[in-house]
Amino acid sequence: MANILVTGAAGFIGSHVADALLKRGDTVIAVDNFNDYYDKKRKEKNVAHNLKKNKYKLYRSDVMNMGAMHHIFMHNKIDAVIHLAARAGVRYSLEQPVHYMVDNVVGTTTLLDLCSKFNVKKFLLGSSSSVYGNNKKVPFAEDHRVDQPISPYAASKQSIEKIAYTFHHIHNMHIACLRFFTVYGPRGRPDMAPYMFTEKILQGKPITRFGDGSTARDYTFVKDIVDGIVKCLDADFKYEIINLGNNTPVKLNDFIATIEKVTGKKAKIAEKPIPQGDVNITYADISKAQKVFNYQPTTSLEEGMKSFLEWYKLEVGRKKK
């Protein structure tokens, strides 16, 4: 059993990671700043069920705050870090590029610096498929070029991979940069299509479809992502960049059709041009993850959206009536 620092622990992926670690007996040192990117009450709900557990310790701190983070490292024996705290969202990064670069790059560097000082040798970093940009070669493999990011968000994620390598080289830290592909599921972010489309279709409101519906995303269910993160935590590596996706891209029109099927309602569609920063396709080559730690996603899009719908109706839908 290990002591794992999880940043972004009140968020979508982070809260599920904390649950999985606690379930197997690890101690979770949870860090989140509970910012207002979306309703703070949802983040409070994400952590509420763990607050009284002996192996769960929550710090309401920001990874940008060196003093607060130093205190956390000083008063806890940390065996590994799973760094999921980040300013998220491609489109919002176009409006606030400075905030994305500062929060994501400086925040990550702060954590890496503390790990070097406190001799924490294992560090898992949440990166993104966005770093691939509009790469024409698919599926996206870890050795593909990523030097043409098309959003500040993507550029910030590429930057943290590079600074992570620097700390690996200088301090012999074992670091895995995990590139997530369009994660969805219960507790999902309200600014993402699975949530927004489901909500509006249920309410009989139009959804915004950017483009003609031919763009595609490698939708990956959160349970499969968490399984990959935990398996990676247990794996032996030096410095690796690893895709965590579903290896099955779905066209936007087919994604909408899947939501229509699970909700039993027809979507009303308003079409708009594809925004700056959006990529045409994401498609993960997961052969490396399969080789390194036997990663294997098992959840189909229909199964995953049924699970999301059940959560939404229980936790959100009834409160909107």
C-alpha atoms as a PDB file:
ATOM      1  CA  MET A   1       0.000   0.000   0.000  1.00  0.00           C
ATOM      2  CA  ALA A   2       1.340   3.440  -0.952  1.00  0.00           C
ATOM      3  CA  ASN A   3       0.767   7.115  -0.162  1.00  0.00           C
ATOM      4  CA  ILE A   4      -0.328   8.804  -3.388  1.00  0.00           C
ATOM      5  CA  LEU A   5      -0.676  12.544  -3.903  1.00  0.00           C
ATOM      6  CA  VAL A   6      -3.495  13.199  -6.382  1.00  0.00           C
ATOM      7  CA  THR A   7      -3.899  16.741  -7.692  1.00  0.00           C
ATOM      8  CA  GLY A   8      -7.182  17.815  -9.227  1.00  0.00           C
ATOM      9  CA  ALA A   9      -8.712  15.265  -6.873  1.00  0.00           C
ATOM     10  CA  ALA A  10     -12.147  16.903  -6.782  1.00  0.00           C
ATOM     11  CA  GLY A  11     -12.405  16.981 -10.547  1.00  0.00           C
ATOM     12  CA  PHE A  12     -13.837  14.520 -13.038  1.00  0.00           C
ATOM     13  CA  ILE A  13     -10.934  12.119 -13.573  1.00  0.00           C
ATOM     14  CA  GLY A  14      -9.163  12.891 -10.296  1.00  0.00           C
ATOM     15  CA  SER A  15     -12.112  11.953  -8.095  1.00  0.00           C
ATOM     16  CA  HIS A  16     -12.469   8.604  -9.875  1.00  0.00           C
ATOM     17  CA  VAL A  17      -8.723   7.956  -9.483  1.00  0.00           C
ATOM     18  CA  ALA A  18      -8.983   8.676  -5.753  1.00  0.00           C
ATOM     19  CA  ASP A  19     -11.856   6.206  -5.450  1.00  0.00           C
ATOM     20  CA  ALA A  20      -9.889   3.481  -7.229  1.00  0.00           C
ATOM     21  CA  LEU A  21      -6.788   4.000  -5.098  1.00  0.00           C
ATOM     22  CA  LEU A  22      -8.772   3.934  -1.854  1.00  0.00           C
ATOM     23  CA  LYS A  23     -10.591   0.807  -2.946  1.00  0.00           C
ATOM     24  CA  ARG A  24      -7.331  -1.096  -3.272  1.00  0.00           C
ATOM     25  CA  GLY A  25      -5.976   0.173   0.053  1.00  0.00           C
ATOM     26  CA  ASP A  26      -3.724   3.091  -0.854  1.00  0.00           C
ATOM     27  CA  THR A  27      -3.682   6.334   1.112  1.00  0.00           C
ATOM     28  CA  VAL A  28      -4.776   9.355  -0.948  1.00  0.00           C
ATOM     29  CA  ILE A  29      -3.430  12.824  -0.257  1.00  0.00           C
ATOM     30  CA  ALA A  30      -5.957  14.795  -2.285  1.00  0.00           C
ATOM     31  CA  VAL A  31      -5.305  18.337  -3.517  1.00  0.00           C
ATOM     32  CA  ASP A  32      -7.776  20.610  -5.306  1.00  0.00           C
ATOM     33  CA  ASN A  33      -8.321  24.361  -5.385  1.00  0.00           C
ATOM     34  CA  PHE A  34     -12.094  24.034  -6.043  1.00  0.00           C
ATOM     35  CA  ASN A  35     -12.003  26.791  -8.651  1.00  0.00           C
ATOM     36  CA  ASP A  36     -15.118  28.100 -10.369  1.00  0.00           C
ATOM     37  CA  TYR A  37     -14.477  26.693 -13.857  1.00  0.00           C
ATOM     38  CA  TYR A  38     -17.805  24.956 -13.250  1.00  0.00           C
ATOM     39  CA  ASP A  39     -20.161  24.708 -10.266  1.00  0.00           C
ATOM     40  CA  LYS A  40     -18.121  24.121  -7.109  1.00  0.00           C
ATOM     41  CA  LYS A  41     -21.011  22.139  -5.618  1.00  0.00           C
ATOM     42  CA  ARG A  42     -20.325  19.374  -8.129  1.00  0.00           C
ATOM     43  CA  LYS A  43     -16.718  19.151  -7.003  1.00  0.00           C
ATOM     44  CA  GLU A  44     -17.840  19.050  -3.368  1.00  0.00           C
ATOM     45  CA  LYS A  45     -20.136  16.165  -4.279  1.00  0.00           C
ATOM     46  CA  ASN A  46     -17.240  14.364  -5.959  1.00  0.00           C
ATOM     47  CA  VAL A  47     -15.257  14.225  -2.700  1.00  0.00           C
ATOM     48  CA  ALA A  48     -18.013  14.084  -0.063  1.00  0.00           C
ATOM     49  CA  HIS A  49     -18.191  10.293   0.151  1.00  0.00           C
ATOM     50  CA  ASN A  50     -14.468  10.043   0.981  1.00  0.00           C
ATOM     51  CA  LEU A  51     -14.066  12.810   3.560  1.00  0.00           C
ATOM     52  CA  LYS A  52     -14.497  10.593   6.624  1.00  0.00           C
ATOM     53  CA  LYS A  53     -12.236   7.788   5.403  1.00  0.00           C
ATOM     54  CA  ASN A  54      -9.024   7.313   7.376  1.00  0.00           C
ATOM     55  CA  LYS A  55      -6.916   6.931   4.242  1.00  0.00           C
ATOM     56  CA  TYR A  56      -8.202  10.087   2.559  1.00  0.00           C
ATOM     57  CA  LYS A  57      -6.803  13.508   3.388  1.00  0.00           C
ATOM     58  CA  LEU A  58      -8.092  16.530   1.463  1.00  0.00           C
ATOM     59  CA  TYR A  59      -6.161  19.773   1.065  1.00  0.00           C
ATOM     60  CA  ARG A  60      -8.007  22.741  -0.442  1.00  0.00           C
ATOM     61  CA  SER A  61      -4.861  24.133  -2.012  1.00  0.00           C
ATOM     62  CA  ASP A  62      -3.593  25.313  -5.373  1.00  0.00           C
ATOM     63  CA  VAL A  63      -0.572  23.648  -6.991  1.00  0.00           C
ATOM     64  CA  MET A  64       0.552  27.162  -7.947  1.00  0.00           C
ATOM     65  CA  ASN A  65       1.020  27.982  -4.264  1.00  0.00           C
ATOM     66  CA  MET A  66       4.569  26.841  -3.523  1.00  0.00           C
ATOM     67  CA  GLY A  67       4.224  27.481   0.206  1.00  0.00           C
ATOM     68  CA  ALA A  68       1.037  25.476   0.567  1.00  0.00           C
ATOM     69  CA  MET A  69       2.378  22.628  -1.538  1.00  0.00           C
ATOM     70  CA  HIS A  70       5.669  22.590   0.403  1.00  0.00           C
ATOM     71  CA  HIS A  71       3.628  22.195   3.597  1.00  0.00           C
ATOM     72  CA  ILE A  72       1.796  19.201   2.079  1.00  0.00           C
ATOM     73  CA  PHE A  73       5.028  17.507   1.046  1.00  0.00           C
ATOM     74  CA  MET A  74       6.601  18.285   4.420  1.00  0.00           C
ATOM     75  CA  HIS A  75       3.779  16.737   6.456  1.00  0.00           C
ATOM     76  CA  ASN A  76       3.073  13.653   4.347  1.00  0.00           C
ATOM     77  CA  LYS A  77       5.252  10.790   3.211  1.00  0.00           C
ATOM     78  CA  ILE A  78       4.513  10.754  -0.506  1.00  0.00           C
ATOM     79  CA  ASP A  79       5.475   7.723  -2.573  1.00  0.00           C
ATOM     80  CA  ALA A  80       4.119   8.924  -5.912  1.00  0.00           C
ATOM     81  CA  VAL A  81       2.260  11.816  -7.524  1.00  0.00           C
ATOM     82  CA  ILE A  82      -0.632  11.617  -9.980  1.00  0.00           C
ATOM     83  CA  HIS A  83      -0.875  15.141 -11.345  1.00  0.00           C
ATOM     84  CA  LEU A  84      -4.297  15.793 -12.868  1.00  0.00           C
ATOM     85  CA  ALA A  85      -4.843  19.406 -11.819  1.00  0.00           C
ATOM     86  CA  ALA A  86      -4.960  21.635 -14.880  1.00  0.00           C
ATOM     87  CA  ARG A  87      -6.806  24.453 -16.531  1.00  0.00           C
ATOM     88  CA  ALA A  88      -8.876  22.457 -19.014  1.00  0.00           C
ATOM     89  CA  GLY A  89     -10.724  23.133 -22.252  1.00  0.00           C
ATOM     90  CA  VAL A  90      -9.410  23.872 -25.734  1.00  0.00           C
ATOM     91  CA  ARG A  91     -11.859  26.650 -26.615  1.00  0.00           C
ATOM     92  CA  TYR A  92     -11.491  28.566 -23.355  1.00  0.00           C
ATOM     93  CA  SER A  93      -7.724  28.551 -23.843  1.00  0.00           C
ATOM     94  CA  LEU A  94      -8.191  30.732 -26.931  1.00  0.00           C
ATOM     95  CA  GLU A  95      -9.732  33.394 -24.689  1.00  0.00           C
ATOM     96  CA  GLN A  96      -7.279  33.128 -21.785  1.00  0.00           C
ATOM     97  CA  PRO A  97      -3.981  31.796 -23.168  1.00  0.00           C
ATOM     98  CA  VAL A  98      -1.806  33.346 -20.454  1.00  0.00           C
ATOM     99  CA  HIS A  99      -3.786  31.675 -17.662  1.00  0.00           C
ATOM    100  CA  TYR A 100      -3.406  28.291 -19.367  1.00  0.00           C
ATOM    101  CA  MET A 101       0.329  28.582 -19.789  1.00  0.00           C
ATOM    102  CA  VAL A 102       0.879  29.855 -16.245  1.00  0.00           C
ATOM    103  CA  ASP A 103      -1.429  27.430 -14.438  1.00  0.00           C
ATOM    104  CA  ASN A 104      -0.504  24.327 -16.405  1.00  0.00           C
ATOM    105  CA  VAL A 105       3.208  24.878 -16.947  1.00  0.00           C
ATOM    106  CA  VAL A 106       4.171  26.677 -13.739  1.00  0.00           C
ATOM    107  CA  GLY A 107       1.884  24.483 -11.630  1.00  0.00           C
ATOM    108  CA  THR A 108       3.453  21.328 -13.029  1.00  0.00           C
ATOM    109  CA  THR A 109       6.973  22.697 -12.584  1.00  0.00           C
ATOM    110  CA  THR A 110       6.193  23.544  -8.955  1.00  0.00           C
ATOM    111  CA  LEU A 111       5.192  19.950  -8.271  1.00  0.00           C
ATOM    112  CA  LEU A 112       8.186  18.496 -10.078  1.00  0.00           C
ATOM    113  CA  ASP A 113      10.502  20.775  -8.124  1.00  0.00           C
ATOM    114  CA  LEU A 114       9.000  19.644  -4.824  1.00  0.00           C
ATOM    115  CA  CYS A 115       9.267  16.001  -5.875  1.00  0.00           C
ATOM    116  CA  SER A 116      12.959  16.494  -6.554  1.00  0.00           C
ATOM    117  CA  LYS A 117      13.470  18.137  -3.157  1.00  0.00           C
ATOM    118  CA  PHE A 118      11.523  15.478  -1.229  1.00  0.00           C
ATOM    119  CA  ASN A 119      12.910  12.535  -3.235  1.00  0.00           C
ATOM    120  CA  VAL A 120       9.583  11.464  -4.732  1.00  0.00           C
ATOM    121  CA  LYS A 121      10.669   9.333  -7.666  1.00  0.00           C
ATOM    122  CA  LYS A 122       7.406   8.394  -9.410  1.00  0.00           C
ATOM    123  CA  PHE A 123       5.311  11.016 -11.174  1.00  0.00           C
ATOM    124  CA  LEU A 124       2.298  10.460 -13.464  1.00  0.00           C
ATOM    125  CA  LEU A 125       1.303  13.467 -15.526  1.00  0.00           C
ATOM    126  CA  GLY A 126      -2.058  14.041 -17.164  1.00  0.00           C
ATOM    127  CA  SER A 127      -1.444  15.166 -20.736  1.00  0.00           C
ATOM    128  CA  SER A 128      -3.807  15.284 -23.706  1.00  0.00           C
ATOM    129  CA  SER A 129      -4.441  14.029 -27.217  1.00  0.00           C
ATOM    130  CA  SER A 130      -4.632  17.719 -28.159  1.00  0.00           C
ATOM    131  CA  VAL A 131      -0.850  17.772 -28.489  1.00  0.00           C
ATOM    132  CA  TYR A 132      -1.167  15.874 -31.799  1.00  0.00           C
ATOM    133  CA  GLY A 133      -2.940  18.838 -33.423  1.00  0.00           C
ATOM    134  CA  ASN A 134      -4.284  18.109 -36.890  1.00  0.00           C
ATOM    135  CA  ASN A 135      -1.854  15.274 -37.502  1.00  0.00           C
ATOM    136  CA  LYS A 136      -2.821  13.589 -40.773  1.00  0.00           C
ATOM    137  CA  LYS A 137      -1.335  10.239 -39.794  1.00  0.00           C
ATOM    138  CA  VAL A 138      -3.726   8.063 -37.762  1.00  0.00           C
ATOM    139  CA  PRO A 139      -3.958   6.447 -35.357  1.00  0.00           C
ATOM    140  CA  PHE A 140      -1.861   8.848 -33.283  1.00  0.00           C
ATOM    141  CA  ALA A 141       1.262   7.159 -31.922  1.00  0.00           C
ATOM    142  CA  GLU A 142       3.568   8.487 -29.238  1.00  0.00           C
ATOM    143  CA  ASP A 143       6.481   8.912 -31.649  1.00  0.00           C
ATOM    144  CA  HIS A 144       4.495  11.163 -34.022  1.00  0.00           C
ATOM    145  CA  ARG A 145       5.482  14.827 -34.308  1.00  0.00           C
ATOM    146  CA  VAL A 146       3.712  17.122 -31.844  1.00  0.00           C
ATOM    147  CA  ASP A 147       5.429  20.401 -32.695  1.00  0.00           C
ATOM    148  CA  GLN A 148       2.374  22.057 -34.269  1.00  0.00           C
ATOM    149  CA  PRO A 149      -0.225  22.512 -31.491  1.00  0.00           C
ATOM    150  CA  ILE A 150      -3.272  24.487 -32.637  1.00  0.00           C
ATOM    151  CA  SER A 151      -4.501  25.805 -29.275  1.00  0.00           C
ATOM    152  CA  PRO A 152      -2.858  27.309 -26.182  1.00  0.00           C
ATOM    153  CA  TYR A 153      -4.225  24.361 -24.197  1.00  0.00           C
ATOM    154  CA  ALA A 154      -2.404  21.914 -26.468  1.00  0.00           C
ATOM    155  CA  ALA A 155       0.766  24.000 -26.305  1.00  0.00           C
ATOM    156  CA  SER A 156       0.627  23.996 -22.503  1.00  0.00           C
ATOM    157  CA  LYS A 157       0.330  20.198 -22.438  1.00  0.00           C
ATOM    158  CA  GLN A 158       3.220  19.780 -24.852  1.00  0.00           C
ATOM    159  CA  SER A 159       5.268  22.112 -22.661  1.00  0.00           C
ATOM    160  CA  ILE A 160       4.671  20.136 -19.466  1.00  0.00           C
ATOM    161  CA  GLU A 161       5.791  16.949 -21.198  1.00  0.00           C
ATOM    162  CA  LYS A 162       9.072  18.657 -22.035  1.00  0.00           C
ATOM    163  CA  ILE A 163       9.650  20.060 -18.541  1.00  0.00           C
ATOM    164  CA  ALA A 164       8.837  16.615 -17.131  1.00  0.00           C
ATOM    165  CA  TYR A 165      11.563  15.095 -19.273  1.00  0.00           C
ATOM    166  CA  THR A 166      14.007  17.696 -17.965  1.00  0.00           C
ATOM    167  CA  PHE A 167      13.311  16.663 -14.359  1.00  0.00           C
ATOM    168  CA  HIS A 168      13.628  12.993 -15.318  1.00  0.00           C
ATOM    169  CA  HIS A 169      17.017  13.708 -16.895  1.00  0.00           C
ATOM    170  CA  ILE A 170      18.372  15.815 -14.037  1.00  0.00           C
ATOM    171  CA  HIS A 171      16.872  14.003 -11.025  1.00  0.00           C
ATOM    172  CA  ASN A 172      16.353  10.473 -12.367  1.00  0.00           C
ATOM    173  CA  MET A 173      12.615  10.755 -11.672  1.00  0.00           C
ATOM    174  CA  HIS A 174      10.387   8.068 -13.152  1.00  0.00           C
ATOM    175  CA  ILE A 175       7.781   9.971 -15.146  1.00  0.00           C
ATOM    176  CA  ALA A 176       4.901   8.877 -17.359  1.00  0.00           C
ATOM    177  CA  CYS A 177       3.069  11.475 -19.452  1.00  0.00           C
ATOM    178  CA  LEU A 178      -0.385  10.035 -20.114  1.00  0.00           C
ATOM    179  CA  ARG A 179      -2.149  11.477 -23.137  1.00  0.00           C
ATOM    180  CA  PHE A 180      -5.891  11.187 -22.478  1.00  0.00           C
ATOM    181  CA  PHE A 181      -8.347  10.916 -25.364  1.00  0.00           C
ATOM    182  CA  THR A 182     -11.791  12.574 -24.880  1.00  0.00           C
ATOM    183  CA  VAL A 183     -12.693  11.164 -21.482  1.00  0.00           C
ATOM    184  CA  TYR A 184     -16.400  10.954 -20.598  1.00  0.00           C
ATOM    185  CA  GLY A 185     -18.634   9.318 -18.008  1.00  0.00           C
ATOM    186  CA  PRO A 186     -20.240   9.946 -14.593  1.00  0.00           C
ATOM    187  CA  ARG A 187     -19.081  13.227 -12.972  1.00  0.00           C
ATOM    188  CA  GLY A 188     -18.100  14.462 -16.442  1.00  0.00           C
ATOM    189  CA  ARG A 189     -17.423  18.147 -17.034  1.00  0.00           C
ATOM    190  CA  PRO A 190     -20.494  20.187 -18.049  1.00  0.00           C
ATOM    191  CA  ASP A 191     -18.546  21.994 -20.795  1.00  0.00           C
ATOM    192  CA  MET A 192     -17.904  18.778 -22.730  1.00  0.00           C
ATOM    193  CA  ALA A 193     -20.122  17.405 -25.505  1.00  0.00           C
ATOM    194  CA  PRO A 194     -21.289  14.201 -23.735  1.00  0.00           C
ATOM    195  CA  TYR A 195     -22.727  16.296 -20.899  1.00  0.00           C
ATOM    196  CA  MET A 196     -23.994  19.262 -22.918  1.00  0.00           C
ATOM    197  CA  PHE A 197     -25.610  17.177 -25.643  1.00  0.00           C
ATOM    198  CA  THR A 198     -27.298  14.808 -23.208  1.00  0.00           C
ATOM    199  CA  GLU A 199     -28.683  17.667 -21.144  1.00  0.00           C
ATOM    200  CA  LYS A 200     -30.033  19.627 -24.095  1.00  0.00           C
ATOM    201  CA  ILE A 201     -31.526  16.593 -25.822  1.00  0.00           C
ATOM    202  CA  LEU A 202     -33.320  15.635 -22.611  1.00  0.00           C
ATOM    203  CA  GLN A 203     -34.631  19.197 -22.293  1.00  0.00           C
ATOM    204  CA  GLY A 204     -35.715  19.366 -25.926  1.00  0.00           C
ATOM    205  CA  LYS A 205     -33.293  22.218 -26.642  1.00  0.00           C
ATOM    206  CA  PRO A 206     -31.115  22.485 -29.778  1.00  0.00           C
ATOM    207  CA  ILE A 207     -27.540  21.235 -29.612  1.00  0.00           C
ATOM    208  CA  THR A 208     -24.742  22.989 -31.465  1.00  0.00           C
ATOM    209  CA  ARG A 209     -23.009  20.778 -34.001  1.00  0.00           C
ATOM    210  CA  PHE A 210     -19.777  22.280 -35.216  1.00  0.00           C
ATOM    211  CA  GLY A 211     -19.309  21.373 -38.872  1.00  0.00           C
ATOM    212  CA  ASP A 212     -21.216  18.741 -40.806  1.00  0.00           C
ATOM    213  CA  GLY A 213     -20.763  16.015 -38.189  1.00  0.00           C
ATOM    214  CA  SER A 214     -17.853  14.264 -39.884  1.00  0.00           C
ATOM    215  CA  THR A 215     -15.248  15.187 -37.256  1.00  0.00           C
ATOM    216  CA  ALA A 216     -14.400  12.267 -34.990  1.00  0.00           C
ATOM    217  CA  ARG A 217     -13.269  11.714 -31.395  1.00  0.00           C
ATOM    218  CA  ASP A 218     -11.810   8.709 -29.617  1.00  0.00           C
ATOM    219  CA  TYR A 219     -14.313   8.776 -26.723  1.00  0.00           C
ATOM    220  CA  THR A 220     -12.854   6.916 -23.739  1.00  0.00           C
ATOM    221  CA  PHE A 221     -14.924   5.921 -20.717  1.00  0.00           C
ATOM    222  CA  VAL A 222     -13.566   7.228 -17.436  1.00  0.00           C
ATOM    223  CA  LYS A 223     -13.367   3.773 -15.841  1.00  0.00           C
ATOM    224  CA  ASP A 224     -11.050   2.628 -18.629  1.00  0.00           C
ATOM    225  CA  ILE A 225      -8.884   5.725 -18.217  1.00  0.00           C
ATOM    226  CA  VAL A 226      -8.651   5.190 -14.453  1.00  0.00           C
ATOM    227  CA  ASP A 227      -7.741   1.548 -14.976  1.00  0.00           C
ATOM    228  CA  GLY A 228      -4.889   2.692 -17.222  1.00  0.00           C
ATOM    229  CA  ILE A 229      -3.682   5.265 -14.702  1.00  0.00           C
ATOM    230  CA  VAL A 230      -3.608   2.772 -11.842  1.00  0.00           C
ATOM    231  CA  LYS A 231      -1.886   0.120 -13.953  1.00  0.00           C
ATOM    232  CA  CYS A 232       0.697   2.680 -15.020  1.00  0.00           C
ATOM    233  CA  LEU A 233       1.289   3.611 -11.378  1.00  0.00           C
ATOM    234  CA  ASP A 234       2.287   0.010 -10.704  1.00  0.00           C
ATOM    235  CA  ALA A 235       4.420  -0.328 -13.835  1.00  0.00           C
ATOM    236  CA  ASP A 236       8.188  -0.027 -14.158  1.00  0.00           C
ATOM    237  CA  PHE A 237       9.285   2.870 -16.373  1.00  0.00           C
ATOM    238  CA  LYS A 238      11.899   5.623 -16.610  1.00  0.00           C
ATOM    239  CA  TYR A 239      10.372   8.315 -18.822  1.00  0.00           C
ATOM    240  CA  GLU A 240       7.481   7.432 -21.082  1.00  0.00           C
ATOM    241  CA  ILE A 241       4.781   9.157 -23.106  1.00  0.00           C
ATOM    242  CA  ILE A 242       1.754   6.888 -23.327  1.00  0.00           C
ATOM    243  CA  ASN A 243      -1.638   7.204 -25.020  1.00  0.00           C
ATOM    244  CA  LEU A 244      -4.736   6.273 -23.032  1.00  0.00           C
ATOM    245  CA  GLY A 245      -7.670   6.116 -25.421  1.00  0.00           C
ATOM    246  CA  ASN A 246     -10.316   3.759 -26.719  1.00  0.00           C
ATOM    247  CA  ASN A 247      -8.703   3.111 -30.138  1.00  0.00           C
ATOM    248  CA  THR A 248     -12.151   3.604 -31.728  1.00  0.00           C
ATOM    249  CA  PRO A 249     -12.888   7.088 -33.143  1.00  0.00           C
ATOM    250  CA  VAL A 250     -16.581   7.952 -33.492  1.00  0.00           C
ATOM    251  CA  LYS A 251     -17.915  10.548 -35.930  1.00  0.00           C
ATOM    252  CA  LEU A 252     -19.872  13.394 -34.351  1.00  0.00           C
ATOM    253  CA  ASN A 253     -23.090  12.410 -36.148  1.00  0.00           C
ATOM    254  CA  ASP A 254     -22.766   8.858 -34.829  1.00  0.00           C
ATOM    255  CA  PHE A 255     -22.070  10.196 -31.342  1.00  0.00           C
ATOM    256  CA  ILE A 256     -25.269  12.250 -31.476  1.00  0.00           C
ATOM    257  CA  ALA A 257     -27.173   9.200 -32.725  1.00  0.00           C
ATOM    258  CA  THR A 258     -25.876   7.192 -29.751  1.00  0.00           C
ATOM    259  CA  ILE A 259     -27.181   9.793 -27.301  1.00  0.00           C
ATOM    260  CA  GLU A 260     -30.517   9.791 -29.120  1.00  0.00           C
ATOM    261  CA  LYS A 261     -30.653   6.021 -28.709  1.00  0.00           C
ATOM    262  CA  VAL A 262     -29.870   5.934 -24.974  1.00  0.00           C
ATOM    263  CA  THR A 263     -32.165   8.879 -24.148  1.00  0.00           C
ATOM    264  CA  GLY A 264     -34.970   7.848 -26.471  1.00  0.00           C
ATOM    265  CA  LYS A 265     -35.198  11.438 -27.728  1.00  0.00           C
ATOM    266  CA  LYS A 266     -34.436  13.069 -31.072  1.00  0.00           C
ATOM    267  CA  ALA A 267     -31.840  15.829 -31.173  1.00  0.00           C
ATOM    268  CA  LYS A 268     -32.575  19.284 -32.522  1.00  0.00           C
ATOM    269  CA  ILE A 269     -29.427  20.434 -34.294  1.00  0.00           C
ATOM    270  CA  ALA A 270     -28.063  23.911 -34.927  1.00  0.00           C
ATOM    271  CA  GLU A 271     -24.983  23.857 -37.163  1.00  0.00           C
ATOM    272  CA  LYS A 272     -22.068  26.257 -36.757  1.00  0.00           C
ATOM    273  CA  PRO A 273     -18.573  26.455 -38.267  1.00  0.00           C
ATOM    274  CA  ILE A 274     -15.798  24.470 -36.585  1.00  0.00           C
ATOM    275  CA  PRO A 275     -14.079  26.777 -34.064  1.00  0.00           C
ATOM    276  CA  GLN A 276     -10.406  27.647 -34.079  1.00  0.00           C
ATOM    277  CA  GLY A 277      -8.404  25.149 -32.029  1.00  0.00           C
ATOM    278  CA  ASP A 278     -10.648  22.148 -32.702  1.00  0.00           C
ATOM    279  CA  VAL A 279      -8.975  19.181 -34.378  1.00  0.00           C
ATOM    280  CA  ASN A 280     -10.595  17.055 -37.087  1.00  0.00           C
ATOM    281  CA  ILE A 281     -10.002  13.689 -35.447  1.00  0.00           C
ATOM    282  CA  THR A 282      -8.505  12.048 -32.385  1.00  0.00           C
ATOM    283  CA  TYR A 283      -7.557   8.388 -32.653  1.00  0.00           C
ATOM    284  CA  ALA A 284      -5.293   6.663 -30.159  1.00  0.00           C
ATOM    285  CA  ASP A 285      -2.758   4.007 -30.972  1.00  0.00           C
ATOM    286  CA  ILE A 286      -2.787   2.180 -27.622  1.00  0.00           C
ATOM    287  CA  SER A 287      -0.263  -0.545 -28.454  1.00  0.00           C
ATOM    288  CA  LYS A 288       2.358   1.006 -26.171  1.00  0.00           C
ATOM    289  CA  ALA A 289       0.011   1.086 -23.167  1.00  0.00           C
ATOM    290  CA  GLN A 290      -0.948  -2.506 -23.910  1.00  0.00           C
ATOM    291  CA  LYS A 291       2.704  -3.502 -23.939  1.00  0.00           C
ATOM    292  CA  VAL A 292       3.868  -1.508 -20.899  1.00  0.00           C
ATOM    293  CA  PHE A 293       1.042  -2.288 -18.478  1.00  0.00           C
ATOM    294  CA  ASN A 294      -1.574  -4.404 -20.255  1.00  0.00           C
ATOM    295  CA  TYR A 295      -4.024  -1.576 -20.806  1.00  0.00           C
ATOM    296  CA  GLN A 296      -7.248  -2.639 -22.476  1.00  0.00           C
ATOM    297  CA  PRO A 297     -10.380  -0.436 -22.643  1.00  0.00           C
ATOM    298  CA  THR A 298     -13.570  -2.492 -22.477  1.00  0.00           C
ATOM    299  CA  THR A 299     -16.463   0.004 -22.496  1.00  0.00           C
ATOM    300  CA  SER A 300     -18.372   0.699 -25.708  1.00  0.00           C
ATOM    301  CA  LEU A 301     -19.728   4.191 -26.344  1.00  0.00           C
ATOM    302  CA  GLU A 302     -23.325   3.035 -25.905  1.00  0.00           C
ATOM    303  CA  GLU A 303     -22.520   1.322 -22.591  1.00  0.00           C
ATOM    304  CA  GLY A 304     -20.603   4.352 -21.386  1.00  0.00           C
ATOM    305  CA  MET A 305     -23.316   6.834 -22.323  1.00  0.00           C
ATOM    306  CA  LYS A 306     -25.937   4.681 -20.598  1.00  0.00           C
ATOM    307  CA  SER A 307     -23.829   4.856 -17.449  1.00  0.00           C
ATOM    308  CA  PHE A 308     -23.433   8.609 -17.835  1.00  0.00           C
ATOM    309  CA  LEU A 309     -27.192   9.033 -18.375  1.00  0.00           C
ATOM    310  CA  GLU A 310     -27.982   7.079 -15.194  1.00  0.00           C
ATOM    311  CA  TRP A 311     -25.619   9.310 -13.222  1.00  0.00           C
ATOM    312  CA  TYR A 312     -26.979  12.476 -14.816  1.00  0.00           C
ATOM    313  CA  LYS A 313     -30.601  11.632 -14.038  1.00  0.00           C
ATOM    314  CA  LEU A 314     -29.734  10.781 -10.439  1.00  0.00           C
ATOM    315  CA  GLU A 315     -27.327  13.613  -9.636  1.00  0.00           C
ATOM    316  CA  VAL A 316     -28.285  16.463 -11.963  1.00  0.00           C
ATOM    317  CA  GLY A 317     -31.509  15.993 -13.906  1.00  0.00           C
ATOM    318  CA  ARG A 318     -33.906  15.763 -10.994  1.00  0.00           C
ATOM    319  CA  LYS A 319     -32.475  18.972  -9.492  1.00  0.00           C
ATOM    320  CA  LYS A 320     -33.250  20.912 -12.683  1.00  0.00           C
ATOM    321  CA  LYS A 321     -36.932  20.075 -12.670  1.00  0.00           C
END
